[in-house]
Amino acid sequence: MPKRILSGVVVSSNSNKTIIVKVTRRVKHKLYKKIISRSKKYHVHDENNQFKNGDLVSIIESKPISKLKSWIVLNSTEAKSWYKCSQIYLLQIILEQKEFNV
């Protein structure tokens, strides 16, 4: 079975080598059919204490490290900030690259 990979926001980084990540998912209510947000907090192993509050991170399942920790930080999602650009801007960049290649 493949390991799950989730992304979320660091809520707390006060502990040594441990951060708490809040993962939010959107689900449809069974009866009312309305989209609602559900969130859960995970204790995640951060070996170098490099992540602070508010950072976007990706986490992956691992074997249990302690009583509460069974997740490890994969990387920071902020490095992939290209998704924040508008689609029009991305299309302009792609067209400019094609003009120079042709």
PDB file of N, CA and C in Angstrom:
ATOM      1  N   MET A   1       0.841  -1.175   0.000  1.00  0.00           N
ATOM      2  CA  MET A   1       0.000   0.000   0.000  1.00  0.00           C
ATOM      3  C   MET A   1       0.890   1.243   0.000  1.00  0.00           C
ATOM      4  N   PRO A   2       0.625   2.222  -0.893  1.00  0.00           N
ATOM      5  CA  PRO A   2       1.478   3.412  -0.951  1.00  0.00           C
ATOM      6  C   PRO A   2       1.283   4.306   0.270  1.00  0.00           C
ATOM      7  N   LYS A   3       2.323   5.064   0.573  1.00  0.00           N
ATOM      8  CA  LYS A   3       2.260   5.974   1.709  1.00  0.00           C
ATOM      9  C   LYS A   3       1.479   7.221   1.318  1.00  0.00           C
ATOM     10  N   ARG A   4       0.657   7.702   2.235  1.00  0.00           N
ATOM     11  CA  ARG A   4      -0.132   8.903   1.971  1.00  0.00           C
ATOM     12  C   ARG A   4       0.751  10.145   2.040  1.00  0.00           C
ATOM     13  N   ILE A   5       0.467  11.100   1.170  1.00  0.00           N
ATOM     14  CA  ILE A   5       1.143  12.388   1.178  1.00  0.00           C
ATOM     15  C   ILE A   5       0.067  13.458   1.319  1.00  0.00           C
ATOM     16  N   LEU A   6       0.211  14.309   2.329  1.00  0.00           N
ATOM     17  CA  LEU A   6      -0.744  15.373   2.593  1.00  0.00           C
ATOM     18  C   LEU A   6      -0.019  16.711   2.606  1.00  0.00           C
ATOM     19  N   SER A   7      -0.761  17.781   2.418  1.00  0.00           N
ATOM     20  CA  SER A   7      -0.166  19.107   2.534  1.00  0.00           C
ATOM     21  C   SER A   7      -1.012  19.944   3.469  1.00  0.00           C
ATOM     22  N   GLY A   8      -0.355  20.793   4.237  1.00  0.00           N
ATOM     23  CA  GLY A   8      -1.057  21.605   5.214  1.00  0.00           C
ATOM     24  C   GLY A   8      -0.206  22.757   5.702  1.00  0.00           C
ATOM     25  N   VAL A   9      -0.693  23.428   6.726  1.00  0.00           N
ATOM     26  CA  VAL A   9      -0.047  24.614   7.285  1.00  0.00           C
ATOM     27  C   VAL A   9       0.485  24.294   8.669  1.00  0.00           C
ATOM     28  N   VAL A  10       1.704  24.754   8.957  1.00  0.00           N
ATOM     29  CA  VAL A  10       2.303  24.554  10.282  1.00  0.00           C
ATOM     30  C   VAL A  10       1.578  25.454  11.281  1.00  0.00           C
ATOM     31  N   VAL A  11       1.026  24.837  12.320  1.00  0.00           N
ATOM     32  CA  VAL A  11       0.282  25.566  13.348  1.00  0.00           C
ATOM     33  C   VAL A  11       1.168  25.857  14.555  1.00  0.00           C
ATOM     34  N   SER A  12       2.046  24.912  14.890  1.00  0.00           N
ATOM     35  CA  SER A  12       2.913  25.081  16.055  1.00  0.00           C
ATOM     36  C   SER A  12       4.277  24.474  15.770  1.00  0.00           C
ATOM     37  N   SER A  13       5.321  25.183  16.192  1.00  0.00           N
ATOM     38  CA  SER A  13       6.680  24.673  16.040  1.00  0.00           C
ATOM     39  C   SER A  13       7.470  24.870  17.327  1.00  0.00           C
ATOM     40  N   ASN A  14       6.792  24.813  18.448  1.00  0.00           N
ATOM     41  CA  ASN A  14       7.433  25.078  19.741  1.00  0.00           C
ATOM     42  C   ASN A  14       8.271  23.908  20.239  1.00  0.00           C
ATOM     43  N   SER A  15       7.909  22.684  19.884  1.00  0.00           N
ATOM     44  CA  SER A  15       8.630  21.512  20.380  1.00  0.00           C
ATOM     45  C   SER A  15       9.914  21.293  19.597  1.00  0.00           C
ATOM     46  N   ASN A  16      10.842  20.554  20.204  1.00  0.00           N
ATOM     47  CA  ASN A  16      12.102  20.233  19.544  1.00  0.00           C
ATOM     48  C   ASN A  16      11.890  19.075  18.575  1.00  0.00           C
ATOM     49  N   LYS A  17      12.243  19.284  17.297  1.00  0.00           N
ATOM     50  CA  LYS A  17      12.139  18.288  16.227  1.00  0.00           C
ATOM     51  C   LYS A  17      10.704  17.843  15.953  1.00  0.00           C
ATOM     52  N   THR A  18       9.728  18.622  16.369  1.00  0.00           N
ATOM     53  CA  THR A  18       8.324  18.290  16.136  1.00  0.00           C
ATOM     54  C   THR A  18       7.561  19.545  15.737  1.00  0.00           C
ATOM     55  N   ILE A  19       6.739  19.422  14.705  1.00  0.00           N
ATOM     56  CA  ILE A  19       5.827  20.497  14.345  1.00  0.00           C
ATOM     57  C   ILE A  19       4.418  19.913  14.284  1.00  0.00           C
ATOM     58  N   ILE A  20       3.436  20.785  14.411  1.00  0.00           N
ATOM     59  CA  ILE A  20       2.048  20.364  14.283  1.00  0.00           C
ATOM     60  C   ILE A  20       1.503  20.982  13.005  1.00  0.00           C
ATOM     61  N   VAL A  21       1.001  20.128  12.112  1.00  0.00           N
ATOM     62  CA  VAL A  21       0.511  20.558  10.811  1.00  0.00           C
ATOM     63  C   VAL A  21      -0.996  20.372  10.758  1.00  0.00           C
ATOM     64  N   LYS A  22      -1.702  21.409  10.334  1.00  0.00           N
ATOM     65  CA  LYS A  22      -3.153  21.347  10.190  1.00  0.00           C
ATOM     66  C   LYS A  22      -3.491  21.102   8.724  1.00  0.00           C
ATOM     67  N   VAL A  23      -4.148  19.964   8.459  1.00  0.00           N
ATOM     68  CA  VAL A  23      -4.532  19.584   7.110  1.00  0.00           C
ATOM     69  C   VAL A  23      -6.041  19.773   6.980  1.00  0.00           C
ATOM     70  N   THR A  24      -6.451  20.554   5.987  1.00  0.00           N
ATOM     71  CA  THR A  24      -7.862  20.835   5.771  1.00  0.00           C
ATOM     72  C   THR A  24      -8.316  20.163   4.483  1.00  0.00           C
ATOM     73  N   ARG A  25      -9.472  19.497   4.553  1.00  0.00           N
ATOM     74  CA  ARG A  25     -10.041  18.875   3.362  1.00  0.00           C
ATOM     75  C   ARG A  25     -11.489  19.306   3.234  1.00  0.00           C
ATOM     76  N   ARG A  26     -11.983  19.273   2.014  1.00  0.00           N
ATOM     77  CA  ARG A  26     -13.356  19.694   1.750  1.00  0.00           C
ATOM     78  C   ARG A  26     -14.178  18.475   1.378  1.00  0.00           C
ATOM     79  N   VAL A  27     -15.313  18.296   2.068  1.00  0.00           N
ATOM     80  CA  VAL A  27     -16.182  17.146   1.828  1.00  0.00           C
ATOM     81  C   VAL A  27     -17.624  17.627   1.670  1.00  0.00           C
ATOM     82  N   LYS A  28     -18.426  16.788   1.039  1.00  0.00           N
ATOM     83  CA  LYS A  28     -19.841  17.099   0.864  1.00  0.00           C
ATOM     84  C   LYS A  28     -20.628  16.465   1.999  1.00  0.00           C
ATOM     85  N   HIS A  29     -21.510  17.232   2.627  1.00  0.00           N
ATOM     86  CA  HIS A  29     -22.348  16.736   3.705  1.00  0.00           C
ATOM     87  C   HIS A  29     -23.319  15.702   3.153  1.00  0.00           C
ATOM     88  N   LYS A  30     -23.509  14.598   3.873  1.00  0.00           N
ATOM     89  CA  LYS A  30     -24.334  13.503   3.373  1.00  0.00           C
ATOM     90  C   LYS A  30     -25.792  13.904   3.168  1.00  0.00           C
ATOM     91  N   LEU A  31     -26.346  14.629   4.128  1.00  0.00           N
ATOM     92  CA  LEU A  31     -27.764  14.961   4.071  1.00  0.00           C
ATOM     93  C   LEU A  31     -28.026  16.262   3.307  1.00  0.00           C
ATOM     94  N   TYR A  32     -27.267  17.314   3.644  1.00  0.00           N
ATOM     95  CA  TYR A  32     -27.548  18.632   3.098  1.00  0.00           C
ATOM     96  C   TYR A  32     -26.824  18.923   1.787  1.00  0.00           C
ATOM     97  N   LYS A  33     -25.888  18.065   1.396  1.00  0.00           N
ATOM     98  CA  LYS A  33     -25.161  18.199   0.127  1.00  0.00           C
ATOM     99  C   LYS A  33     -24.381  19.516   0.013  1.00  0.00           C
ATOM    100  N   LYS A  34     -24.009  20.088   1.133  1.00  0.00           N
ATOM    101  CA  LYS A  34     -23.238  21.316   1.141  1.00  0.00           C
ATOM    102  C   LYS A  34     -21.766  20.981   1.342  1.00  0.00           C
ATOM    103  N   ILE A  35     -20.883  21.713   0.697  1.00  0.00           N
ATOM    104  CA  ILE A  35     -19.448  21.499   0.855  1.00  0.00           C
ATOM    105  C   ILE A  35     -19.011  22.127   2.175  1.00  0.00           C
ATOM    106  N   ILE A  36     -18.393  21.315   3.035  1.00  0.00           N
ATOM    107  CA  ILE A  36     -17.909  21.796   4.328  1.00  0.00           C
ATOM    108  C   ILE A  36     -16.438  21.462   4.477  1.00  0.00           C
ATOM    109  N   SER A  37     -15.748  22.203   5.321  1.00  0.00           N
ATOM    110  CA  SER A  37     -14.321  21.988   5.553  1.00  0.00           C
ATOM    111  C   SER A  37     -14.113  21.178   6.822  1.00  0.00           C
ATOM    112  N   ARG A  38     -13.296  20.155   6.720  1.00  0.00           N
ATOM    113  CA  ARG A  38     -12.888  19.350   7.867  1.00  0.00           C
ATOM    114  C   ARG A  38     -11.380  19.484   8.005  1.00  0.00           C
ATOM    115  N   SER A  39     -10.899  19.626   9.231  1.00  0.00           N
ATOM    116  CA  SER A  39      -9.465  19.750   9.433  1.00  0.00           C
ATOM    117  C   SER A  39      -9.010  18.818  10.544  1.00  0.00           C
ATOM    118  N   LYS A  40      -7.751  18.434  10.461  1.00  0.00           N
ATOM    119  CA  LYS A  40      -7.153  17.545  11.439  1.00  0.00           C
ATOM    120  C   LYS A  40      -5.706  17.975  11.653  1.00  0.00           C
ATOM    121  N   LYS A  41      -5.214  17.825  12.877  1.00  0.00           N
ATOM    122  CA  LYS A  41      -3.838  18.196  13.198  1.00  0.00           C
ATOM    123  C   LYS A  41      -2.983  16.939  13.315  1.00  0.00           C
ATOM    124  N   TYR A  42      -1.806  16.986  12.710  1.00  0.00           N
ATOM    125  CA  TYR A  42      -0.858  15.877  12.741  1.00  0.00           C
ATOM    126  C   TYR A  42       0.440  16.329  13.390  1.00  0.00           C
ATOM    127  N   HIS A  43       1.011  15.473  14.244  1.00  0.00           N
ATOM    128  CA  HIS A  43       2.331  15.712  14.806  1.00  0.00           C
ATOM    129  C   HIS A  43       3.340  15.152  13.816  1.00  0.00           C
ATOM    130  N   VAL A  44       4.274  16.012  13.380  1.00  0.00           N
ATOM    131  CA  VAL A  44       5.177  15.673  12.291  1.00  0.00           C
ATOM    132  C   VAL A  44       6.618  15.832  12.754  1.00  0.00           C
ATOM    133  N   HIS A  45       7.486  14.906  12.322  1.00  0.00           N
ATOM    134  CA  HIS A  45       8.904  14.949  12.672  1.00  0.00           C
ATOM    135  C   HIS A  45       9.629  15.932  11.760  1.00  0.00           C
ATOM    136  N   ASP A  46      10.318  16.906  12.350  1.00  0.00           N
ATOM    137  CA  ASP A  46      11.111  17.914  11.633  1.00  0.00           C
ATOM    138  C   ASP A  46      12.520  17.864  12.202  1.00  0.00           C
ATOM    139  N   GLU A  47      13.400  17.124  11.541  1.00  0.00           N
ATOM    140  CA  GLU A  47      14.729  16.832  12.072  1.00  0.00           C
ATOM    141  C   GLU A  47      15.543  18.087  12.369  1.00  0.00           C
ATOM    142  N   ASN A  48      15.522  19.071  11.476  1.00  0.00           N
ATOM    143  CA  ASN A  48      16.406  20.235  11.607  1.00  0.00           C
ATOM    144  C   ASN A  48      15.720  21.471  12.178  1.00  0.00           C
ATOM    145  N   ASN A  49      14.497  21.352  12.642  1.00  0.00           N
ATOM    146  CA  ASN A  49      13.735  22.496  13.165  1.00  0.00           C
ATOM    147  C   ASN A  49      13.728  23.667  12.186  1.00  0.00           C
ATOM    148  N   GLN A  50      13.508  23.383  10.907  1.00  0.00           N
ATOM    149  CA  GLN A  50      13.600  24.439   9.903  1.00  0.00           C
ATOM    150  C   GLN A  50      12.256  25.075   9.548  1.00  0.00           C
ATOM    151  N   PHE A  51      11.135  24.503   9.963  1.00  0.00           N
ATOM    152  CA  PHE A  51       9.829  25.041   9.604  1.00  0.00           C
ATOM    153  C   PHE A  51       9.227  25.821  10.764  1.00  0.00           C
ATOM    154  N   LYS A  52       8.606  26.938  10.441  1.00  0.00           N
ATOM    155  CA  LYS A  52       8.014  27.831  11.443  1.00  0.00           C
ATOM    156  C   LYS A  52       6.513  27.933  11.225  1.00  0.00           C
ATOM    157  N   ASN A  53       5.825  28.633  12.108  1.00  0.00           N
ATOM    158  CA  ASN A  53       4.373  28.807  12.010  1.00  0.00           C
ATOM    159  C   ASN A  53       3.997  29.481  10.697  1.00  0.00           C
ATOM    160  N   GLY A  54       2.956  28.973  10.058  1.00  0.00           N
ATOM    161  CA  GLY A  54       2.457  29.563   8.829  1.00  0.00           C
ATOM    162  C   GLY A  54       3.052  28.997   7.557  1.00  0.00           C
ATOM    163  N   ASP A  55       4.080  28.153   7.655  1.00  0.00           N
ATOM    164  CA  ASP A  55       4.695  27.563   6.462  1.00  0.00           C
ATOM    165  C   ASP A  55       3.784  26.500   5.864  1.00  0.00           C
ATOM    166  N   LEU A  56       3.736  26.427   4.531  1.00  0.00           N
ATOM    167  CA  LEU A  56       3.022  25.361   3.838  1.00  0.00           C
ATOM    168  C   LEU A  56       3.984  24.210   3.628  1.00  0.00           C
ATOM    169  N   VAL A  57       3.612  23.011   4.064  1.00  0.00           N
ATOM    170  CA  VAL A  57       4.508  21.862   3.964  1.00  0.00           C
ATOM    171  C   VAL A  57       3.764  20.645   3.431  1.00  0.00           C
ATOM    172  N   SER A  58       4.526  19.711   2.861  1.00  0.00           N
ATOM    173  CA  SER A  58       4.003  18.408   2.486  1.00  0.00           C
ATOM    174  C   SER A  58       4.538  17.387   3.474  1.00  0.00           C
ATOM    175  N   ILE A  59       3.679  16.453   3.891  1.00  0.00           N
ATOM    176  CA  ILE A  59       4.096  15.446   4.856  1.00  0.00           C
ATOM    177  C   ILE A  59       3.788  14.059   4.294  1.00  0.00           C
ATOM    178  N   ILE A  60       4.550  13.071   4.752  1.00  0.00           N
ATOM    179  CA  ILE A  60       4.384  11.702   4.276  1.00  0.00           C
ATOM    180  C   ILE A  60       4.327  10.762   5.474  1.00  0.00           C
ATOM    181  N   GLU A  61       3.563   9.688   5.332  1.00  0.00           N
ATOM    182  CA  GLU A  61       3.448   8.683   6.381  1.00  0.00           C
ATOM    183  C   GLU A  61       4.780   7.961   6.584  1.00  0.00           C
ATOM    184  N   SER A  62       5.029   7.525   7.799  1.00  0.00           N
ATOM    185  CA  SER A  62       6.220   6.727   8.081  1.00  0.00           C
ATOM    186  C   SER A  62       5.907   5.789   9.239  1.00  0.00           C
ATOM    187  N   LYS A  63       6.898   5.007   9.608  1.00  0.00           N
ATOM    188  CA  LYS A  63       6.702   4.151  10.778  1.00  0.00           C
ATOM    189  C   LYS A  63       6.625   5.038  12.014  1.00  0.00           C
ATOM    190  N   PRO A  64       6.008   4.584  13.082  1.00  0.00           N
ATOM    191  CA  PRO A  64       5.878   5.419  14.279  1.00  0.00           C
ATOM    192  C   PRO A  64       7.236   5.824  14.853  1.00  0.00           C
ATOM    193  N   ILE A  65       7.391   7.110  15.086  1.00  0.00           N
ATOM    194  CA  ILE A  65       8.629   7.657  15.641  1.00  0.00           C
ATOM    195  C   ILE A  65       8.495   7.804  17.150  1.00  0.00           C
ATOM    196  N   SER A  66       7.316   8.173  17.602  1.00  0.00           N
ATOM    197  CA  SER A  66       7.018   8.275  19.031  1.00  0.00           C
ATOM    198  C   SER A  66       5.537   7.975  19.215  1.00  0.00           C
ATOM    199  N   LYS A  67       5.021   8.265  20.386  1.00  0.00           N
ATOM    200  CA  LYS A  67       3.617   7.952  20.674  1.00  0.00           C
ATOM    201  C   LYS A  67       2.673   8.675  19.712  1.00  0.00           C
ATOM    202  N   LEU A  68       2.962   9.928  19.394  1.00  0.00           N
ATOM    203  CA  LEU A  68       2.069  10.715  18.548  1.00  0.00           C
ATOM    204  C   LEU A  68       2.584  10.906  17.123  1.00  0.00           C
ATOM    205  N   LYS A  69       3.894  10.797  16.907  1.00  0.00           N
ATOM    206  CA  LYS A  69       4.468  11.113  15.599  1.00  0.00           C
ATOM    207  C   LYS A  69       4.583   9.877  14.705  1.00  0.00           C
ATOM    208  N   SER A  70       3.915   9.927  13.562  1.00  0.00           N
ATOM    209  CA  SER A  70       4.110   8.897  12.546  1.00  0.00           C
ATOM    210  C   SER A  70       4.098   9.531  11.155  1.00  0.00           C
ATOM    211  N   TRP A  71       4.499  10.797  11.081  1.00  0.00           N
ATOM    212  CA  TRP A  71       4.604  11.541   9.829  1.00  0.00           C
ATOM    213  C   TRP A  71       5.950  12.250   9.792  1.00  0.00           C
ATOM    214  N   ILE A  72       6.482  12.465   8.568  1.00  0.00           N
ATOM    215  CA  ILE A  72       7.755  13.157   8.368  1.00  0.00           C
ATOM    216  C   ILE A  72       7.528  14.259   7.337  1.00  0.00           C
ATOM    217  N   VAL A  73       8.216  15.392   7.521  1.00  0.00           N
ATOM    218  CA  VAL A  73       8.107  16.487   6.562  1.00  0.00           C
ATOM    219  C   VAL A  73       8.829  16.097   5.281  1.00  0.00           C
ATOM    220  N   LEU A  74       8.140  16.224   4.151  1.00  0.00           N
ATOM    221  CA  LEU A  74       8.764  15.970   2.854  1.00  0.00           C
ATOM    222  C   LEU A  74       9.521  17.195   2.384  1.00  0.00           C
ATOM    223  N   ASN A  75       8.802  18.293   2.186  1.00  0.00           N
ATOM    224  CA  ASN A  75       9.422  19.528   1.728  1.00  0.00           C
ATOM    225  C   ASN A  75       8.473  20.683   1.980  1.00  0.00           C
ATOM    226  N   SER A  76       8.964  21.873   1.688  1.00  0.00           N
ATOM    227  CA  SER A  76       8.144  23.065   1.812  1.00  0.00           C
ATOM    228  C   SER A  76       7.406  23.281   0.512  1.00  0.00           C
ATOM    229  N   THR A  77       6.110  23.528   0.590  1.00  0.00           N
ATOM    230  CA  THR A  77       5.297  23.734  -0.601  1.00  0.00           C
ATOM    231  C   THR A  77       5.459  25.158  -1.118  1.00  0.00           C
ATOM    232  N   GLU A  78       6.005  26.066  -0.316  1.00  0.00           N
ATOM    233  CA  GLU A  78       6.168  27.446  -0.754  1.00  0.00           C
ATOM    234  C   GLU A  78       7.183  27.565  -1.882  1.00  0.00           C
ATOM    235  N   ALA A  79       8.078  26.597  -2.007  1.00  0.00           N
ATOM    236  CA  ALA A  79       9.025  26.635  -3.116  1.00  0.00           C
ATOM    237  C   ALA A  79       8.304  26.511  -4.447  1.00  0.00           C
ATOM    238  N   LYS A  80       7.140  25.885  -4.444  1.00  0.00           N
ATOM    239  CA  LYS A  80       6.342  25.747  -5.654  1.00  0.00           C
ATOM    240  C   LYS A  80       5.318  26.870  -5.697  1.00  0.00           C
ATOM    241  N   SER A  81       5.764  28.106  -5.762  1.00  0.00           N
ATOM    242  CA  SER A  81       4.853  29.238  -5.711  1.00  0.00           C
ATOM    243  C   SER A  81       4.282  29.598  -7.065  1.00  0.00           C
ATOM    244  N   TRP A  82       4.587  28.836  -8.110  1.00  0.00           N
ATOM    245  CA  TRP A  82       4.084  29.155  -9.448  1.00  0.00           C
ATOM    246  C   TRP A  82       2.571  29.037  -9.524  1.00  0.00           C
ATOM    247  N   TYR A  83       1.950  28.216  -8.671  1.00  0.00           N
ATOM    248  CA  TYR A  83       0.507  28.044  -8.736  1.00  0.00           C
ATOM    249  C   TYR A  83      -0.248  29.296  -8.324  1.00  0.00           C
ATOM    250  N   LYS A  84       0.425  30.264  -7.693  1.00  0.00           N
ATOM    251  CA  LYS A  84      -0.234  31.490  -7.273  1.00  0.00           C
ATOM    252  C   LYS A  84      -0.432  32.454  -8.440  1.00  0.00           C
ATOM    253  N   CYS A  85       0.284  32.239  -9.550  1.00  0.00           N
ATOM    254  CA  CYS A  85       0.158  33.113 -10.704  1.00  0.00           C
ATOM    255  C   CYS A  85      -1.184  32.887 -11.382  1.00  0.00           C
ATOM    256  N   SER A  86      -1.632  33.898 -12.105  1.00  0.00           N
ATOM    257  CA  SER A  86      -2.879  33.742 -12.835  1.00  0.00           C
ATOM    258  C   SER A  86      -2.633  32.891 -14.079  1.00  0.00           C
ATOM    259  N   GLN A  87      -3.677  32.297 -14.593  1.00  0.00           N
ATOM    260  CA  GLN A  87      -3.552  31.435 -15.763  1.00  0.00           C
ATOM    261  C   GLN A  87      -3.138  32.221 -16.989  1.00  0.00           C
ATOM    262  N   ILE A  88      -3.588  33.457 -17.106  1.00  0.00           N
ATOM    263  CA  ILE A  88      -3.228  34.275 -18.268  1.00  0.00           C
ATOM    264  C   ILE A  88      -1.726  34.524 -18.286  1.00  0.00           C
ATOM    265  N   TYR A  89      -1.153  34.823 -17.132  1.00  0.00           N
ATOM    266  CA  TYR A  89       0.283  35.073 -17.047  1.00  0.00           C
ATOM    267  C   TYR A  89       1.069  33.826 -17.451  1.00  0.00           C
ATOM    268  N   LEU A  90       0.623  32.650 -17.001  1.00  0.00           N
ATOM    269  CA  LEU A  90       1.294  31.406 -17.368  1.00  0.00           C
ATOM    270  C   LEU A  90       1.199  31.146 -18.865  1.00  0.00           C
ATOM    271  N   LEU A  91       0.042  31.427 -19.460  1.00  0.00           N
ATOM    272  CA  LEU A  91      -0.107  31.246 -20.901  1.00  0.00           C
ATOM    273  C   LEU A  91       0.815  32.177 -21.676  1.00  0.00           C
ATOM    274  N   GLN A  92       0.990  33.402 -21.204  1.00  0.00           N
ATOM    275  CA  GLN A  92       1.895  34.335 -21.861  1.00  0.00           C
ATOM    276  C   GLN A  92       3.328  33.823 -21.841  1.00  0.00           C
ATOM    277  N   ILE A  93       3.743  33.269 -20.716  1.00  0.00           N
ATOM    278  CA  ILE A  93       5.102  32.736 -20.602  1.00  0.00           C
ATOM    279  C   ILE A  93       5.295  31.563 -21.553  1.00  0.00           C
ATOM    280  N   ILE A  94       4.303  30.677 -21.638  1.00  0.00           N
ATOM    281  CA  ILE A  94       4.398  29.512 -22.517  1.00  0.00           C
ATOM    282  C   ILE A  94       4.478  29.964 -23.974  1.00  0.00           C
ATOM    283  N   LEU A  95       3.660  30.938 -24.366  1.00  0.00           N
ATOM    284  CA  LEU A  95       3.685  31.431 -25.743  1.00  0.00           C
ATOM    285  C   LEU A  95       5.010  32.083 -26.081  1.00  0.00           C
ATOM    286  N   GLU A  96       5.581  32.855 -25.148  1.00  0.00           N
ATOM    287  CA  GLU A  96       6.879  33.484 -25.377  1.00  0.00           C
ATOM    288  C   GLU A  96       7.962  32.426 -25.561  1.00  0.00           C
ATOM    289  N   GLN A  97       7.921  31.353 -24.776  1.00  0.00           N
ATOM    290  CA  GLN A  97       8.918  30.293 -24.925  1.00  0.00           C
ATOM    291  C   GLN A  97       8.793  29.609 -26.265  1.00  0.00           C
ATOM    292  N   LYS A  98       7.564  29.380 -26.731  1.00  0.00           N
ATOM    293  CA  LYS A  98       7.353  28.739 -28.024  1.00  0.00           C
ATOM    294  C   LYS A  98       7.840  29.620 -29.168  1.00  0.00           C
ATOM    295  N   GLU A  99       7.675  30.947 -29.056  1.00  0.00           N
ATOM    296  CA  GLU A  99       8.141  31.860 -30.106  1.00  0.00           C
ATOM    297  C   GLU A  99       9.645  31.792 -30.255  1.00  0.00           C
ATOM    298  N   PHE A 100      10.353  31.684 -29.142  1.00  0.00           N
ATOM    299  CA  PHE A 100      11.809  31.644 -29.218  1.00  0.00           C
ATOM    300  C   PHE A 100      12.322  30.295 -29.684  1.00  0.00           C
ATOM    301  N   ASN A 101      11.596  29.228 -29.416  1.00  0.00           N
ATOM    302  CA  ASN A 101      12.020  27.888 -29.831  1.00  0.00           C
ATOM    303  C   ASN A 101      11.759  27.621 -31.305  1.00  0.00           C
ATOM    304  N   VAL A 102      10.724  28.249 -31.885  1.00  0.00           N
ATOM    305  CA  VAL A 102      10.354  27.970 -33.278  1.00  0.00           C
ATOM    306  C   VAL A 102      11.144  28.779 -34.242  1.00  0.00           C
TER     307      VAL A 102
END
